[in-house]
Amino acid sequence: ADLVFIPRKRFMDKPALVVELKWDKSVRAALDQIRDRKYPESVACYAGELLLVGINYNEKTKEHECRIEKYEK
């Protein structure tokens, strides 16, 4: 994963994030890579909620697209 955010102990009520960044692909490709490469397993020790975040940047339009999904263990 490009980025993984795990909340501090005093914020355990907040979700952890696994973020994959793509360039001229799709948010679906980013989320698929997170699942295919089993990135959520890298934060398996975190007992709280986990969110998967796919972000794509389109070089031609200069626009970003993002999709956030709740990870089901």
Protein backbone atom coordinates (compact mmCIF):
# COMPACT_ATOMS: atom_id res chain seq x y z
CA ALA A 1 0.00 0.00 0.00
CA ASP A 2 1.13 3.53 -0.57
CA LEU A 3 -0.04 4.71 2.85
CA VAL A 4 -1.39 3.08 6.00
CA PHE A 5 -2.82 5.15 8.83
CA ILE A 6 -3.36 3.54 12.23
CA PRO A 7 -4.95 5.65 14.98
CA ARG A 8 -3.12 6.24 18.25
CA LYS A 9 -4.26 4.25 21.25
CA ARG A 10 -6.36 7.11 22.59
CA PHE A 11 -8.26 7.25 19.27
CA MET A 12 -9.00 3.55 18.86
CA ASP A 13 -12.62 4.42 18.08
CA LYS A 14 -11.42 5.84 14.72
CA PRO A 15 -10.87 3.60 11.67
CA ALA A 16 -7.48 2.64 10.27
CA LEU A 17 -6.92 3.48 6.57
CA VAL A 18 -5.17 1.57 3.80
CA VAL A 19 -4.60 3.95 0.87
CA GLU A 20 -3.56 3.05 -2.68
CA LEU A 21 -2.71 5.83 -5.15
CA LYS A 22 -2.99 5.42 -8.93
CA TRP A 23 -2.14 7.62 -11.87
CA ASP A 24 -4.24 7.38 -15.06
CA LYS A 25 -5.87 4.12 -13.94
CA SER A 26 -9.07 3.84 -11.90
CA VAL A 27 -10.16 3.77 -8.29
CA ARG A 28 -11.40 0.22 -8.92
CA ALA A 29 -7.84 -0.79 -9.92
CA ALA A 30 -6.51 0.77 -6.73
CA LEU A 31 -9.02 -1.06 -4.53
CA ASP A 32 -8.46 -4.32 -6.40
CA GLN A 33 -4.71 -4.02 -5.77
CA ILE A 34 -5.34 -3.53 -2.04
CA ARG A 35 -7.37 -6.75 -1.94
CA ASP A 36 -5.24 -8.81 -4.36
CA ARG A 37 -2.00 -8.08 -2.52
CA LYS A 38 -3.68 -8.58 0.86
CA TYR A 39 -2.64 -5.21 2.25
CA PRO A 40 -5.32 -5.32 4.99
CA GLU A 41 -3.43 -8.23 6.54
CA SER A 42 -0.59 -5.80 7.30
CA VAL A 43 -2.83 -4.16 9.90
CA ALA A 44 -4.44 -7.37 11.14
CA CYS A 45 -3.29 -6.60 14.67
CA TYR A 46 -5.54 -3.52 14.65
CA ALA A 47 -8.89 -4.63 16.08
CA GLY A 48 -10.92 -1.59 15.01
CA GLU A 49 -12.68 -0.69 11.79
CA LEU A 50 -10.62 -0.64 8.59
CA LEU A 51 -11.29 1.51 5.54
CA LEU A 52 -9.84 0.87 2.07
CA VAL A 53 -9.17 4.03 0.08
CA GLY A 54 -8.49 4.11 -3.67
CA ILE A 55 -7.42 7.41 -5.23
CA ASN A 56 -6.76 8.00 -8.92
CA TYR A 57 -5.30 11.09 -10.60
CA ASN A 58 -6.15 11.71 -14.25
CA GLU A 59 -3.23 13.50 -15.87
CA LYS A 60 -5.26 14.81 -18.83
CA THR A 61 -8.17 16.28 -16.90
CA LYS A 62 -6.14 17.09 -13.78
CA GLU A 63 -8.94 15.58 -11.66
CA HIS A 64 -8.81 13.21 -8.72
CA GLU A 65 -11.29 10.42 -8.06
CA CYS A 66 -11.63 8.64 -4.72
CA ARG A 67 -13.59 5.69 -3.39
CA ILE A 68 -13.70 4.57 0.22
CA GLU A 69 -14.95 1.14 1.24
CA LYS A 70 -15.38 -0.50 4.62
CA TYR A 71 -13.26 -3.65 4.88
CA GLU A 72 -15.16 -6.74 5.96
CA LYS A 73 -12.92 -9.13 7.91
